[in-house]
C-alpha atoms as a PDB file:
ATOM      1  CA  MET A   1      24.382 206.849 203.499  1.00  0.00           C
ATOM      2  CA  ARG A   2      21.897 206.062 206.275  1.00  0.00           C
ATOM      3  CA  TYR A   3      20.511 208.354 208.983  1.00  0.00           C
ATOM      4  CA  THR A   4      19.268 206.567 212.108  1.00  0.00           C
ATOM      5  CA  VAL A   5      17.767 207.635 215.414  1.00  0.00           C
ATOM      6  CA  ASP A   6      18.352 205.049 218.132  1.00  0.00           C
ATOM      7  CA  ALA A   7      15.219 203.589 219.731  1.00  0.00           C
ATOM      8  CA  SER A   8      16.408 204.789 223.144  1.00  0.00           C
ATOM      9  CA  VAL A   9      15.786 208.389 222.007  1.00  0.00           C
ATOM     10  CA  PHE A  10      12.114 207.675 221.404  1.00  0.00           C
ATOM     11  CA  ASP A  11      11.898 205.948 224.781  1.00  0.00           C
ATOM     12  CA  MET A  12      12.485 209.384 226.316  1.00  0.00           C
ATOM     13  CA  ASN A  13       9.683 210.968 224.284  1.00  0.00           C
ATOM     14  CA  PRO A  14       7.799 208.959 221.635  1.00  0.00           C
ATOM     15  CA  ASN A  15       6.472 212.162 220.051  1.00  0.00           C
ATOM     16  CA  ILE A  16       9.859 213.501 219.029  1.00  0.00           C
ATOM     17  CA  LYS A  17      10.259 213.968 215.287  1.00  0.00           C
ATOM     18  CA  PHE A  18      13.353 214.721 213.243  1.00  0.00           C
ATOM     19  CA  GLY A  19      12.833 216.728 210.067  1.00  0.00           C
ATOM     20  CA  ILE A  20      15.604 216.028 207.570  1.00  0.00           C
ATOM     21  CA  LEU A  21      16.319 217.981 204.402  1.00  0.00           C
ATOM     22  CA  ILE A  22      19.118 217.389 201.936  1.00  0.00           C
ATOM     23  CA  GLY A  23      20.017 220.463 199.910  1.00  0.00           C
ATOM     24  CA  LYS A  24      22.147 219.775 196.838  1.00  0.00           C
ATOM     25  CA  ASN A  25      24.094 222.154 194.589  1.00  0.00           C
ATOM     26  CA  ILE A  26      23.299 225.139 196.790  1.00  0.00           C
ATOM     27  CA  LYS A  27      24.745 228.468 195.673  1.00  0.00           C
ATOM     28  CA  ASN A  28      25.531 230.147 198.980  1.00  0.00           C
ATOM     29  CA  SER A  29      26.744 233.748 199.076  1.00  0.00           C
ATOM     30  CA  GLU A  30      27.712 236.589 201.301  1.00  0.00           C
ATOM     31  CA  THR A  31      24.754 237.923 203.256  1.00  0.00           C
ATOM     32  CA  MET A  32      22.557 240.159 201.130  1.00  0.00           C
ATOM     33  CA  THR A  33      20.379 243.009 202.393  1.00  0.00           C
ATOM     34  CA  ASP A  34      17.207 240.887 202.240  1.00  0.00           C
ATOM     35  CA  ASP A  35      18.889 238.030 204.128  1.00  0.00           C
ATOM     36  CA  GLU A  36      19.949 240.251 207.002  1.00  0.00           C
ATOM     37  CA  GLY A  37      16.583 242.004 206.897  1.00  0.00           C
ATOM     38  CA  ARG A  38      14.758 238.734 207.509  1.00  0.00           C
ATOM     39  CA  LEU A  39      17.068 237.926 210.411  1.00  0.00           C
ATOM     40  CA  ARG A  40      16.645 241.356 212.032  1.00  0.00           C
ATOM     41  CA  ASP A  41      12.856 241.217 211.563  1.00  0.00           C
ATOM     42  CA  ALA A  42      12.753 237.809 213.274  1.00  0.00           C
ATOM     43  CA  GLU A  43      14.810 239.156 216.194  1.00  0.00           C
ATOM     44  CA  LYS A  44      12.555 242.213 216.477  1.00  0.00           C
ATOM     45  CA  ARG A  45       9.356 240.128 216.538  1.00  0.00           C
ATOM     46  CA  MET A  46      10.808 237.847 219.192  1.00  0.00           C
ATOM     47  CA  ARG A  47      11.666 240.839 221.407  1.00  0.00           C
ATOM     48  CA  GLU A  48       8.147 242.195 220.928  1.00  0.00           C
ATOM     49  CA  THR A  49       6.558 238.861 221.864  1.00  0.00           C
ATOM     50  CA  PHE A  50       8.623 237.316 224.663  1.00  0.00           C
ATOM     51  CA  GLN A  51      10.640 238.167 227.754  1.00  0.00           C
ATOM     52  CA  VAL A  52      13.974 236.565 228.540  1.00  0.00           C
ATOM     53  CA  ASP A  53      12.562 234.735 231.579  1.00  0.00           C
ATOM     54  CA  GLN A  54      10.033 232.978 229.313  1.00  0.00           C
ATOM     55  CA  VAL A  55      12.580 231.249 227.071  1.00  0.00           C
ATOM     56  CA  ARG A  56      12.733 227.964 228.977  1.00  0.00           C
ATOM     57  CA  GLU A  57       8.954 227.608 228.758  1.00  0.00           C
ATOM     58  CA  LEU A  58       8.687 228.288 225.024  1.00  0.00           C
ATOM     59  CA  SER A  59       7.129 225.626 222.841  1.00  0.00           C
ATOM     60  CA  ASN A  60       9.802 223.091 221.818  1.00  0.00           C
ATOM     61  CA  VAL A  61      12.452 224.539 224.163  1.00  0.00           C
ATOM     62  CA  SER A  62      10.808 223.050 227.242  1.00  0.00           C
ATOM     63  CA  PHE A  63      10.636 219.662 225.488  1.00  0.00           C
ATOM     64  CA  TYR A  64      14.294 219.887 224.450  1.00  0.00           C
ATOM     65  CA  ARG A  65      15.235 220.551 228.064  1.00  0.00           C
ATOM     66  CA  GLU A  66      13.093 217.663 229.284  1.00  0.00           C
ATOM     67  CA  ILE A  67      14.760 215.196 226.919  1.00  0.00           C
ATOM     68  CA  MET A  68      18.231 216.453 227.809  1.00  0.00           C
ATOM     69  CA  THR A  69      17.445 215.943 231.494  1.00  0.00           C
ATOM     70  CA  LYS A  70      16.237 212.396 230.823  1.00  0.00           C
ATOM     71  CA  ALA A  71      19.446 211.777 228.848  1.00  0.00           C
ATOM     72  CA  GLY A  72      21.563 212.838 231.831  1.00  0.00           C
ATOM     73  CA  ILE A  73      22.480 216.264 230.403  1.00  0.00           C
ATOM     74  CA  ASN A  74      22.040 219.302 232.654  1.00  0.00           C
ATOM     75  CA  PRO A  75      20.236 221.842 230.410  1.00  0.00           C
ATOM     76  CA  ASN A  76      21.151 224.670 232.762  1.00  0.00           C
ATOM     77  CA  LYS A  77      24.858 223.989 232.210  1.00  0.00           C
ATOM     78  CA  PHE A  78      24.523 222.833 228.597  1.00  0.00           C
ATOM     79  CA  PRO A  79      21.406 224.565 227.240  1.00  0.00           C
ATOM     80  CA  PRO A  80      20.030 223.758 223.796  1.00  0.00           C
ATOM     81  CA  SER A  81      21.777 226.047 221.323  1.00  0.00           C
ATOM     82  CA  VAL A  82      18.488 227.715 220.386  1.00  0.00           C
ATOM     83  CA  GLU A  83      17.805 228.574 224.030  1.00  0.00           C
ATOM     84  CA  ALA A  84      21.138 230.377 224.260  1.00  0.00           C
ATOM     85  CA  MET A  85      20.443 232.125 220.954  1.00  0.00           C
ATOM     86  CA  PHE A  86      16.970 233.262 222.025  1.00  0.00           C
ATOM     87  CA  LYS A  87      18.273 234.606 225.339  1.00  0.00           C
ATOM     88  CA  ARG A  88      20.960 236.590 223.528  1.00  0.00           C
ATOM     89  CA  ILE A  89      18.301 238.153 221.306  1.00  0.00           C
ATOM     90  CA  LEU A  90      15.930 238.936 224.175  1.00  0.00           C
ATOM     91  CA  LYS A  91      18.731 240.586 226.113  1.00  0.00           C
ATOM     92  CA  GLY A  92      19.113 242.996 223.206  1.00  0.00           C
ATOM     93  CA  GLY A  93      21.950 241.396 221.255  1.00  0.00           C
ATOM     94  CA  ASP A  94      21.888 241.004 217.485  1.00  0.00           C
ATOM     95  CA  LEU A  95      23.170 237.765 215.985  1.00  0.00           C
ATOM     96  CA  PRO A  96      26.342 238.208 213.913  1.00  0.00           C
ATOM     97  CA  VAL A  97      26.110 238.144 210.134  1.00  0.00           C
ATOM     98  CA  ILE A  98      27.953 235.021 208.916  1.00  0.00           C
ATOM     99  CA  ASN A  99      26.797 234.096 205.419  1.00  0.00           C
ATOM    100  CA  ALA A 100      23.468 234.025 203.622  1.00  0.00           C
ATOM    101  CA  LEU A 101      22.565 230.400 204.367  1.00  0.00           C
ATOM    102  CA  VAL A 102      23.464 230.531 208.053  1.00  0.00           C
ATOM    103  CA  ASP A 103      21.670 233.846 208.551  1.00  0.00           C
ATOM    104  CA  VAL A 104      18.381 232.824 206.944  1.00  0.00           C
ATOM    105  CA  CYS A 105      18.462 229.482 208.763  1.00  0.00           C
ATOM    106  CA  ASN A 106      18.847 231.386 212.028  1.00  0.00           C
ATOM    107  CA  ALA A 107      15.872 233.521 210.984  1.00  0.00           C
ATOM    108  CA  VAL A 108      13.728 230.417 210.407  1.00  0.00           C
ATOM    109  CA  SER A 109      14.833 228.976 213.752  1.00  0.00           C
ATOM    110  CA  ILE A 110      13.752 232.191 215.509  1.00  0.00           C
ATOM    111  CA  GLU A 111      10.482 232.497 213.586  1.00  0.00           C
ATOM    112  CA  GLN A 112       9.402 228.932 214.337  1.00  0.00           C
ATOM    113  CA  ILE A 113      11.184 228.581 217.718  1.00  0.00           C
ATOM    114  CA  ILE A 114      12.817 225.352 216.616  1.00  0.00           C
ATOM    115  CA  SER A 115      16.217 223.659 216.666  1.00  0.00           C
ATOM    116  CA  LEU A 116      17.748 223.717 213.185  1.00  0.00           C
ATOM    117  CA  GLY A 117      21.236 222.438 212.441  1.00  0.00           C
ATOM    118  CA  ALA A 118      22.987 222.640 209.053  1.00  0.00           C
ATOM    119  CA  HIS A 119      25.952 220.361 208.285  1.00  0.00           C
ATOM    120  CA  ASP A 120      28.183 220.476 205.206  1.00  0.00           C
ATOM    121  CA  LEU A 121      28.100 216.998 203.632  1.00  0.00           C
ATOM    122  CA  ASN A 122      31.610 217.538 202.277  1.00  0.00           C
ATOM    123  CA  ASP A 123      32.868 216.761 205.806  1.00  0.00           C
ATOM    124  CA  ILE A 124      30.565 213.772 206.388  1.00  0.00           C
ATOM    125  CA  HIS A 125      31.649 210.376 205.081  1.00  0.00           C
ATOM    126  CA  LYS A 126      29.922 207.755 207.244  1.00  0.00           C
ATOM    127  CA  ASP A 127      26.394 206.926 208.344  1.00  0.00           C
ATOM    128  CA  LEU A 128      24.701 209.479 210.557  1.00  0.00           C
ATOM    129  CA  GLU A 129      23.127 208.609 213.907  1.00  0.00           C
ATOM    130  CA  VAL A 130      21.445 210.194 216.885  1.00  0.00           C
ATOM    131  CA  ARG A 131      22.516 207.880 219.717  1.00  0.00           C
ATOM    132  CA  PHE A 132      24.355 207.615 222.994  1.00  0.00           C
ATOM    133  CA  SER A 133      28.115 207.864 222.578  1.00  0.00           C
ATOM    134  CA  LYS A 134      30.451 204.870 222.629  1.00  0.00           C
ATOM    135  CA  ASN A 135      34.092 204.384 223.514  1.00  0.00           C
ATOM    136  CA  GLY A 136      36.197 205.871 220.735  1.00  0.00           C
ATOM    137  CA  ASP A 137      33.849 208.673 219.776  1.00  0.00           C
ATOM    138  CA  ILE A 138      35.671 211.981 219.221  1.00  0.00           C
ATOM    139  CA  PHE A 139      34.691 215.615 218.645  1.00  0.00           C
ATOM    140  CA  LEU A 140      36.398 218.593 217.002  1.00  0.00           C
ATOM    141  CA  PRO A 141      35.222 221.741 218.845  1.00  0.00           C
ATOM    142  CA  PHE A 142      34.260 224.802 216.853  1.00  0.00           C
ATOM    143  CA  GLY A 143      37.402 226.713 215.898  1.00  0.00           C
ATOM    144  CA  ALA A 144      39.724 223.939 217.150  1.00  0.00           C
ATOM    145  CA  THR A 145      42.292 221.821 215.317  1.00  0.00           C
ATOM    146  CA  GLU A 146      42.570 218.918 217.779  1.00  0.00           C
ATOM    147  CA  TYR A 147      39.921 216.341 218.555  1.00  0.00           C
ATOM    148  CA  GLU A 148      38.690 215.662 222.076  1.00  0.00           C
ATOM    149  CA  ASN A 149      37.381 212.384 223.442  1.00  0.00           C
ATOM    150  CA  VAL A 150      33.676 212.066 224.198  1.00  0.00           C
ATOM    151  CA  ASP A 151      32.758 210.097 227.292  1.00  0.00           C
ATOM    152  CA  LYS A 152      30.617 207.014 226.812  1.00  0.00           C
ATOM    153  CA  GLY A 153      26.884 207.503 227.344  1.00  0.00           C
ATOM    154  CA  GLU A 154      26.384 211.078 226.065  1.00  0.00           C
ATOM    155  CA  LEU A 155      23.481 211.769 223.698  1.00  0.00           C
ATOM    156  CA  VAL A 156      25.089 212.900 220.438  1.00  0.00           C
ATOM    157  CA  PHE A 157      24.584 213.341 216.702  1.00  0.00           C
ATOM    158  CA  THR A 158      27.421 211.565 214.955  1.00  0.00           C
ATOM    159  CA  SER A 159      28.888 210.352 211.672  1.00  0.00           C
ATOM    160  CA  GLY A 160      30.582 207.069 212.437  1.00  0.00           C
ATOM    161  CA  ASN A 161      32.691 207.833 215.507  1.00  0.00           C
ATOM    162  CA  ILE A 162      33.022 211.543 214.606  1.00  0.00           C
ATOM    163  CA  VAL A 163      30.528 213.505 216.689  1.00  0.00           C
ATOM    164  CA  GLN A 164      28.818 216.309 214.791  1.00  0.00           C
ATOM    165  CA  THR A 165      26.861 217.740 217.739  1.00  0.00           C
ATOM    166  CA  ARG A 166      27.643 217.181 221.417  1.00  0.00           C
ATOM    167  CA  LYS A 167      25.084 216.840 224.193  1.00  0.00           C
ATOM    168  CA  TRP A 168      22.353 216.339 221.602  1.00  0.00           C
ATOM    169  CA  ILE A 169      21.607 219.906 220.385  1.00  0.00           C
ATOM    170  CA  TRP A 170      24.065 221.881 222.502  1.00  0.00           C
ATOM    171  CA  ARG A 171      27.150 222.494 220.354  1.00  0.00           C
ATOM    172  CA  GLN A 172      28.101 221.680 216.753  1.00  0.00           C
ATOM    173  CA  SER A 173      31.519 220.608 215.525  1.00  0.00           C
ATOM    174  CA  GLU A 174      34.014 222.484 213.392  1.00  0.00           C
ATOM    175  CA  LEU A 175      33.492 219.630 210.922  1.00  0.00           C
ATOM    176  CA  GLY A 176      30.417 220.260 208.825  1.00  0.00           C
ATOM    177  CA  LYS A 177      30.513 224.011 209.404  1.00  0.00           C
ATOM    178  CA  THR A 178      28.465 225.828 206.762  1.00  0.00           C
ATOM    179  CA  THR A 179      30.627 228.270 204.820  1.00  0.00           C
ATOM    180  CA  ILE A 180      30.152 230.388 201.739  1.00  0.00           C
ATOM    181  CA  TYR A 181      31.640 227.498 199.752  1.00  0.00           C
ATOM    182  CA  SER A 182      29.245 224.826 201.076  1.00  0.00           C
ATOM    183  CA  LYS A 183      27.177 223.237 198.298  1.00  0.00           C
ATOM    184  CA  ASP A 184      25.579 220.081 199.722  1.00  0.00           C
ATOM    185  CA  ILE A 185      23.951 220.504 203.129  1.00  0.00           C
ATOM    186  CA  PHE A 186      22.276 218.155 205.588  1.00  0.00           C
ATOM    187  CA  PHE A 187      19.614 219.973 207.624  1.00  0.00           C
ATOM    188  CA  GLN A 188      18.304 218.456 210.872  1.00  0.00           C
ATOM    189  CA  LEU A 189      15.295 219.961 212.656  1.00  0.00           C
ATOM    190  CA  VAL A 190      13.754 218.691 215.886  1.00  0.00           C
ATOM    191  CA  GLY A 191      10.061 219.000 216.653  1.00  0.00           C
ATOM    192  CA  PHE A 192       7.238 217.135 218.335  1.00  0.00           C
ATOM    193  CA  ASP A 193       4.408 217.392 215.802  1.00  0.00           C
ATOM    194  CA  ASP A 194       4.482 217.275 212.012  1.00  0.00           C
ATOM    195  CA  ASN A 195       0.938 218.225 211.060  1.00  0.00           C
ATOM    196  CA  LYS A 196       0.427 220.967 208.502  1.00  0.00           C
ATOM    197  CA  GLU A 197       0.368 223.791 211.062  1.00  0.00           C
ATOM    198  CA  SER A 198       3.228 222.546 213.232  1.00  0.00           C
ATOM    199  CA  THR A 199       6.408 224.553 213.666  1.00  0.00           C
ATOM    200  CA  LEU A 200       8.369 221.593 212.296  1.00  0.00           C
ATOM    201  CA  ASN A 201       6.361 221.437 209.094  1.00  0.00           C
ATOM    202  CA  LYS A 202       6.419 225.216 208.603  1.00  0.00           C
ATOM    203  CA  ALA A 203      10.178 225.379 209.188  1.00  0.00           C
ATOM    204  CA  MET A 204      10.797 222.525 206.742  1.00  0.00           C
ATOM    205  CA  GLU A 205       8.682 224.271 204.112  1.00  0.00           C
ATOM    206  CA  ASP A 206      10.628 227.491 204.689  1.00  0.00           C
ATOM    207  CA  ILE A 207      13.992 225.744 204.347  1.00  0.00           C
ATOM    208  CA  GLU A 208      12.876 223.899 201.207  1.00  0.00           C
ATOM    209  CA  SER A 209      11.742 227.181 199.660  1.00  0.00           C
ATOM    210  CA  LEU A 210      15.046 228.841 200.512  1.00  0.00           C
ATOM    211  CA  ILE A 211      17.079 225.974 199.070  1.00  0.00           C
ATOM    212  CA  VAL A 212      15.181 226.055 195.780  1.00  0.00           C
ATOM    213  CA  ASP A 213      14.402 229.760 195.357  1.00  0.00           C
ATOM    214  CA  ARG A 214      17.101 231.679 197.243  1.00  0.00           C
ATOM    215  CA  PHE A 215      20.002 229.259 196.739  1.00  0.00           C
ATOM    216  CA  GLN A 216      18.997 227.614 193.423  1.00  0.00           C
ATOM    217  CA  GLY A 217      19.507 224.066 194.673  1.00  0.00           C
ATOM    218  CA  SER A 218      17.455 220.881 194.856  1.00  0.00           C
ATOM    219  CA  CYS A 219      15.870 219.453 197.979  1.00  0.00           C
ATOM    220  CA  GLU A 220      14.767 216.141 199.475  1.00  0.00           C
ATOM    221  CA  LYS A 221      12.653 216.012 202.670  1.00  0.00           C
ATOM    222  CA  TYR A 222      12.096 213.259 205.240  1.00  0.00           C
ATOM    223  CA  ILE A 223      10.544 212.714 208.672  1.00  0.00           C
ATOM    224  CA  VAL A 224      12.149 210.279 211.113  1.00  0.00           C
ATOM    225  CA  ASP A 225      10.041 209.261 214.098  1.00  0.00           C
ATOM    226  CA  VAL A 226       9.177 206.358 216.384  1.00  0.00           C
ATOM    227  CA  ASN A 227       7.490 204.538 213.492  1.00  0.00           C
ATOM    228  CA  ASN A 228      10.265 205.224 210.992  1.00  0.00           C
ATOM    229  CA  THR A 229      13.591 205.307 212.793  1.00  0.00           C
ATOM    230  CA  TYR A 230      15.928 205.525 209.777  1.00  0.00           C
ATOM    231  CA  ILE A 231      16.180 206.752 206.218  1.00  0.00           C
ATOM    232  CA  ASP A 232      18.560 205.944 203.382  1.00  0.00           C
ATOM    233  CA  LEU A 233      19.829 209.117 201.790  1.00  0.00           C
END
């Protein structure tokens, strides 16, 4: 299987970097006390550090919004999923407990202020791409049973013609949803710097540690950028 980012994405910002991790044979579980504790601690620190009117200017979030605007997506109408999550937290809402893997991934996303998507490879059968949509692309909304058509020219993350995430990092599909039974997971993070101290690098290290130590799986890591636009998984 190949993962590719179309060159047109880097035309919008040549510094964008996609951190990819493949977690295999993960042993997910119901949320344990320590898992929820990490999530609640991350929420608490965010509330202590930021105000809700600062979310759009946070590191990474402002760049996500800029790229969405360049791609023809209105980030006010279709905000990056992490922006909506951060606003919910800063308005006093706790994120729901779902399962251990989802909850600790949300904690890492909050801690590093970074977009982090997890997709169950059991539902993915064709090459993965970040590209602009084509005629024939379809999407299964979260919780739905019927596919919807995706208009041509929308920035998406897709497997073949099955869109995994609409409007770039706005909304994930029902397909690839991480459940307690998920074992093989494709993680996609989006950052703009991959040096040792970057949020992207720290988040990838955190996810790798969780895969190996918390979930007893194995992990492969990759960076896709303007100089390396695809990887073979």
